[in-house]
N, C-alpha and C. Protein backbone atom coordinates (compact mmCIF):
# COMPACT_ATOMS: atom_id res chain seq x y z
N MET A 1 63.19 28.51 77.66
CA MET A 1 62.31 29.60 77.31
C MET A 1 62.30 30.67 78.40
N GLU A 2 62.39 30.23 79.64
CA GLU A 2 62.40 31.19 80.74
C GLU A 2 63.58 32.15 80.61
N SER A 3 64.75 31.60 80.30
CA SER A 3 65.94 32.46 80.21
C SER A 3 65.83 33.45 79.06
N THR A 4 65.20 33.05 77.98
CA THR A 4 65.00 33.97 76.85
C THR A 4 64.09 35.11 77.24
N ILE A 5 63.03 34.78 77.95
CA ILE A 5 62.08 35.81 78.39
C ILE A 5 62.73 36.73 79.43
N LEU A 6 63.47 36.16 80.36
CA LEU A 6 64.17 36.99 81.34
C LEU A 6 65.19 37.90 80.67
N ALA A 7 65.88 37.39 79.67
CA ALA A 7 66.86 38.22 78.95
C ALA A 7 66.17 39.41 78.30
N ALA A 8 64.98 39.20 77.76
CA ALA A 8 64.23 40.30 77.15
C ALA A 8 63.82 41.32 78.20
N LEU A 9 63.40 40.85 79.37
CA LEU A 9 63.02 41.76 80.45
C LEU A 9 64.22 42.56 80.95
N TRP A 10 65.37 41.90 81.12
CA TRP A 10 66.57 42.59 81.57
C TRP A 10 67.00 43.63 80.55
N ALA A 11 66.94 43.27 79.28
CA ALA A 11 67.37 44.20 78.23
C ALA A 11 66.46 45.43 78.17
N ALA A 12 65.18 45.23 78.42
CA ALA A 12 64.23 46.34 78.34
C ALA A 12 64.45 47.35 79.45
N GLY A 13 64.75 46.87 80.64
CA GLY A 13 64.96 47.77 81.76
C GLY A 13 63.69 48.48 82.24
N THR A 14 62.56 48.03 81.76
CA THR A 14 61.28 48.60 82.13
C THR A 14 60.25 47.48 82.08
N PRO A 15 59.15 47.57 82.82
CA PRO A 15 58.15 46.50 82.78
C PRO A 15 57.62 46.28 81.36
N LEU A 16 57.42 45.01 81.02
CA LEU A 16 56.90 44.64 79.70
C LEU A 16 55.66 43.78 79.85
N THR A 17 54.71 43.98 78.95
CA THR A 17 53.54 43.12 78.87
C THR A 17 53.94 41.86 78.10
N PRO A 18 53.14 40.80 78.18
CA PRO A 18 53.45 39.61 77.40
C PRO A 18 53.60 39.90 75.90
N GLY A 19 52.76 40.78 75.37
CA GLY A 19 52.87 41.12 73.95
C GLY A 19 54.19 41.81 73.63
N GLN A 20 54.63 42.67 74.53
CA GLN A 20 55.91 43.34 74.33
C GLN A 20 57.07 42.37 74.45
N VAL A 21 56.97 41.44 75.37
CA VAL A 21 58.01 40.40 75.49
C VAL A 21 58.05 39.59 74.21
N GLN A 22 56.90 39.20 73.71
CA GLN A 22 56.84 38.43 72.47
C GLN A 22 57.51 39.20 71.33
N GLY A 23 57.22 40.49 71.24
CA GLY A 23 57.85 41.30 70.21
C GLY A 23 59.35 41.39 70.37
N ALA A 24 59.81 41.43 71.61
CA ALA A 24 61.24 41.55 71.88
C ALA A 24 62.00 40.27 71.54
N ILE A 25 61.36 39.13 71.72
CA ILE A 25 62.06 37.86 71.46
C ILE A 25 61.77 37.32 70.07
N GLY A 26 60.87 37.97 69.34
CA GLY A 26 60.50 37.48 68.02
C GLY A 26 59.24 36.65 68.13
N ALA A 27 58.67 36.35 67.01
CA ALA A 27 57.38 35.66 66.97
C ALA A 27 57.51 34.15 67.11
N GLU A 28 58.64 33.67 67.62
CA GLU A 28 58.83 32.22 67.74
C GLU A 28 57.91 31.57 68.78
N LEU A 29 57.44 32.36 69.75
CA LEU A 29 56.52 31.85 70.76
C LEU A 29 55.20 32.60 70.65
N ALA A 30 54.11 31.88 70.84
CA ALA A 30 52.80 32.51 70.86
C ALA A 30 52.67 33.38 72.10
N ARG A 31 51.85 34.42 72.02
CA ARG A 31 51.66 35.32 73.16
C ARG A 31 51.14 34.55 74.36
N THR A 32 50.25 33.58 74.12
CA THR A 32 49.71 32.79 75.24
C THR A 32 50.82 31.98 75.92
N THR A 33 51.76 31.50 75.15
CA THR A 33 52.89 30.76 75.73
C THR A 33 53.75 31.69 76.56
N VAL A 34 54.01 32.89 76.04
CA VAL A 34 54.78 33.89 76.79
C VAL A 34 54.06 34.22 78.09
N THR A 35 52.74 34.40 78.02
CA THR A 35 51.95 34.71 79.22
C THR A 35 52.06 33.58 80.24
N THR A 36 51.98 32.35 79.79
CA THR A 36 52.09 31.20 80.69
C THR A 36 53.46 31.17 81.37
N ILE A 37 54.52 31.40 80.61
CA ILE A 37 55.87 31.38 81.17
C ILE A 37 56.03 32.52 82.18
N LEU A 38 55.53 33.70 81.84
CA LEU A 38 55.61 34.83 82.77
C LEU A 38 54.83 34.54 84.05
N SER A 39 53.69 33.88 83.93
CA SER A 39 52.91 33.52 85.13
C SER A 39 53.69 32.55 86.00
N ARG A 40 54.36 31.61 85.39
CA ARG A 40 55.17 30.65 86.16
C ARG A 40 56.34 31.34 86.83
N LEU A 41 56.98 32.27 86.12
CA LEU A 41 58.07 33.03 86.71
C LEU A 41 57.57 33.87 87.88
N TYR A 42 56.37 34.39 87.76
CA TYR A 42 55.76 35.17 88.85
C TYR A 42 55.52 34.28 90.06
N GLU A 43 55.00 33.08 89.84
CA GLU A 43 54.75 32.15 90.94
C GLU A 43 56.05 31.74 91.63
N LYS A 44 57.15 31.69 90.90
CA LYS A 44 58.45 31.35 91.48
C LYS A 44 59.10 32.53 92.19
N GLY A 45 58.55 33.74 91.99
CA GLY A 45 59.14 34.93 92.59
C GLY A 45 60.26 35.52 91.77
N THR A 46 60.39 35.07 90.54
CA THR A 46 61.46 35.54 89.66
C THR A 46 61.13 36.89 89.02
N VAL A 47 59.82 37.15 88.84
CA VAL A 47 59.37 38.44 88.32
C VAL A 47 58.25 38.96 89.21
N VAL A 48 58.03 40.26 89.17
CA VAL A 48 56.88 40.88 89.80
C VAL A 48 56.01 41.42 88.68
N ARG A 49 54.75 41.64 88.99
CA ARG A 49 53.86 42.16 87.96
C ARG A 49 53.05 43.32 88.51
N THR A 50 52.75 44.24 87.60
CA THR A 50 51.92 45.39 87.91
C THR A 50 50.82 45.47 86.87
N ARG A 51 49.70 46.02 87.28
CA ARG A 51 48.57 46.17 86.36
C ARG A 51 48.97 47.05 85.17
N ALA A 52 48.60 46.60 84.00
CA ALA A 52 48.82 47.36 82.77
C ALA A 52 47.58 47.17 81.91
N GLY A 53 46.62 48.07 82.05
CA GLY A 53 45.35 47.90 81.34
C GLY A 53 44.60 46.73 81.95
N ARG A 54 44.16 45.82 81.09
CA ARG A 54 43.44 44.64 81.57
C ARG A 54 44.37 43.49 81.93
N GLY A 55 45.65 43.65 81.65
CA GLY A 55 46.62 42.59 81.94
C GLY A 55 47.69 43.06 82.90
N PHE A 56 48.87 42.49 82.74
CA PHE A 56 49.99 42.80 83.62
C PHE A 56 51.23 43.13 82.80
N ALA A 57 52.12 43.89 83.42
CA ALA A 57 53.46 44.12 82.91
C ALA A 57 54.41 43.50 83.93
N TYR A 58 55.48 42.91 83.45
CA TYR A 58 56.38 42.13 84.30
C TYR A 58 57.77 42.74 84.37
N THR A 59 58.38 42.61 85.56
CA THR A 59 59.73 43.11 85.81
C THR A 59 60.49 42.02 86.57
N PRO A 60 61.73 41.74 86.21
CA PRO A 60 62.51 40.75 86.97
C PRO A 60 62.79 41.25 88.39
N THR A 61 62.82 40.33 89.34
CA THR A 61 63.10 40.71 90.72
C THR A 61 64.59 40.85 90.97
N GLU A 62 65.40 40.24 90.11
CA GLU A 62 66.85 40.28 90.29
C GLU A 62 67.52 40.38 88.93
N ASP A 63 68.78 40.79 88.95
CA ASP A 63 69.56 40.77 87.72
C ASP A 63 70.04 39.34 87.47
N ALA A 64 70.71 39.12 86.36
CA ALA A 64 71.14 37.76 85.99
C ALA A 64 72.05 37.13 87.05
N PRO A 65 73.06 37.84 87.56
CA PRO A 65 73.89 37.23 88.61
C PRO A 65 73.11 36.88 89.87
N GLY A 66 72.17 37.73 90.24
CA GLY A 66 71.36 37.46 91.43
C GLY A 66 70.50 36.22 91.25
N LEU A 67 69.93 36.07 90.05
CA LEU A 67 69.10 34.91 89.78
C LEU A 67 69.94 33.62 89.79
N THR A 68 71.13 33.69 89.21
CA THR A 68 72.02 32.53 89.22
C THR A 68 72.38 32.14 90.65
N ALA A 69 72.68 33.13 91.47
CA ALA A 69 73.01 32.85 92.87
C ALA A 69 71.83 32.21 93.59
N ARG A 70 70.62 32.71 93.32
CA ARG A 70 69.43 32.13 93.96
C ARG A 70 69.24 30.68 93.54
N ARG A 71 69.47 30.39 92.27
CA ARG A 71 69.34 29.01 91.79
C ARG A 71 70.38 28.10 92.44
N MET A 72 71.59 28.61 92.60
CA MET A 72 72.64 27.82 93.24
C MET A 72 72.25 27.51 94.69
N HIS A 73 71.74 28.50 95.39
CA HIS A 73 71.28 28.28 96.78
C HIS A 73 70.15 27.27 96.82
N SER A 74 69.24 27.37 95.88
CA SER A 74 68.10 26.45 95.83
C SER A 74 68.57 25.01 95.65
N GLU A 75 69.51 24.81 94.75
CA GLU A 75 70.03 23.46 94.51
C GLU A 75 70.77 22.94 95.74
N LEU A 76 71.52 23.81 96.39
CA LEU A 76 72.26 23.40 97.58
C LEU A 76 71.32 23.01 98.71
N ARG A 77 70.22 23.74 98.87
CA ARG A 77 69.25 23.42 99.93
C ARG A 77 68.60 22.06 99.72
N LYS A 78 68.58 21.57 98.51
CA LYS A 78 67.94 20.28 98.22
C LYS A 78 68.78 19.10 98.69
N GLN A 79 70.04 19.33 98.98
CA GLN A 79 70.96 18.24 99.30
C GLN A 79 71.17 18.09 100.80
N GLU A 80 71.17 16.86 101.26
CA GLU A 80 71.46 16.60 102.67
C GLU A 80 72.95 16.74 102.96
N ASP A 81 73.77 16.28 102.01
CA ASP A 81 75.22 16.30 102.20
C ASP A 81 75.80 17.53 101.50
N ARG A 82 75.57 18.68 102.12
CA ARG A 82 76.01 19.95 101.52
C ARG A 82 77.53 20.01 101.41
N SER A 83 78.23 19.42 102.35
CA SER A 83 79.68 19.44 102.33
C SER A 83 80.23 18.81 101.05
N THR A 84 79.69 17.66 100.67
CA THR A 84 80.14 16.98 99.47
C THR A 84 79.80 17.79 98.23
N VAL A 85 78.62 18.36 98.20
CA VAL A 85 78.21 19.17 97.05
C VAL A 85 79.16 20.36 96.89
N LEU A 86 79.41 21.07 98.00
CA LEU A 86 80.31 22.23 97.93
C LEU A 86 81.73 21.81 97.55
N ALA A 87 82.19 20.69 98.10
CA ALA A 87 83.54 20.21 97.78
C ALA A 87 83.67 19.90 96.30
N ARG A 88 82.67 19.27 95.75
CA ARG A 88 82.72 18.94 94.31
C ARG A 88 82.61 20.19 93.45
N PHE A 89 81.81 21.15 93.90
CA PHE A 89 81.70 22.40 93.17
C PHE A 89 83.05 23.10 93.13
N VAL A 90 83.68 23.23 94.29
CA VAL A 90 84.96 23.93 94.38
C VAL A 90 86.04 23.19 93.59
N SER A 91 85.99 21.86 93.60
CA SER A 91 87.02 21.10 92.90
C SER A 91 86.94 21.29 91.38
N GLN A 92 85.82 21.77 90.89
CA GLN A 92 85.65 21.96 89.45
C GLN A 92 85.87 23.41 89.02
N LEU A 93 86.21 24.28 89.96
CA LEU A 93 86.48 25.68 89.61
C LEU A 93 87.80 25.82 88.87
N THR A 94 87.86 26.80 87.99
CA THR A 94 89.14 27.13 87.37
C THR A 94 90.01 27.80 88.43
N ASP A 95 91.30 27.89 88.15
CA ASP A 95 92.20 28.54 89.10
C ASP A 95 91.77 29.99 89.34
N GLU A 96 91.34 30.66 88.28
CA GLU A 96 90.92 32.05 88.41
C GLU A 96 89.67 32.17 89.27
N ASP A 97 88.68 31.27 89.05
CA ASP A 97 87.46 31.31 89.85
C ASP A 97 87.74 30.95 91.30
N GLU A 98 88.65 30.01 91.51
CA GLU A 98 89.01 29.63 92.88
C GLU A 98 89.64 30.83 93.60
N GLN A 99 90.53 31.54 92.92
CA GLN A 99 91.16 32.72 93.53
C GLN A 99 90.11 33.78 93.83
N LEU A 100 89.17 34.00 92.91
CA LEU A 100 88.11 34.98 93.13
C LEU A 100 87.25 34.59 94.32
N LEU A 101 86.92 33.31 94.43
CA LEU A 101 86.13 32.84 95.57
C LEU A 101 86.88 33.06 96.88
N ARG A 102 88.19 32.78 96.88
CA ARG A 102 88.97 33.03 98.09
C ARG A 102 88.94 34.50 98.48
N GLU A 103 89.07 35.38 97.49
CA GLU A 103 89.04 36.81 97.75
C GLU A 103 87.68 37.24 98.29
N LEU A 104 86.62 36.70 97.72
CA LEU A 104 85.27 37.03 98.19
C LEU A 104 85.07 36.56 99.63
N LEU A 105 85.52 35.36 99.93
CA LEU A 105 85.35 34.83 101.28
C LEU A 105 86.19 35.61 102.29
N ASP A 106 87.32 36.13 101.85
CA ASP A 106 88.18 36.93 102.73
C ASP A 106 87.74 38.39 102.79
N GLY A 107 86.71 38.73 102.01
CA GLY A 107 86.21 40.10 102.02
C GLY A 107 87.09 41.08 101.27
N GLU A 108 87.91 40.57 100.34
CA GLU A 108 88.84 41.44 99.62
C GLU A 108 88.25 42.09 98.39
N THR A 109 87.09 41.64 97.96
CA THR A 109 86.46 42.21 96.77
C THR A 109 84.96 42.24 96.97
N THR A 110 84.27 43.02 96.16
CA THR A 110 82.80 43.10 96.29
C THR A 110 82.12 42.63 95.05
């Protein structure tokens, strides 16, 4: 559900209230559920909020690639044996992703 709500916020490109998020994703979730998820995302630092009337409007703190990178860092920090985790991650990369990673580490691309 979090990813659906974040996708709606990214697509909007402007702060959205819980009601606006609900409208953007369809009526599959109650507004109170959307509000709860947005509050949790706020507590995680994934979104920021600004006053909008009596409630809040929410904006993502990062784009999708930035959020993915933050999640990857978070998972890596949880492990004592980071070397093994990184080795297994790299061993599962496609040839194209491995080449891209090499280029990034060598500073050849941005």
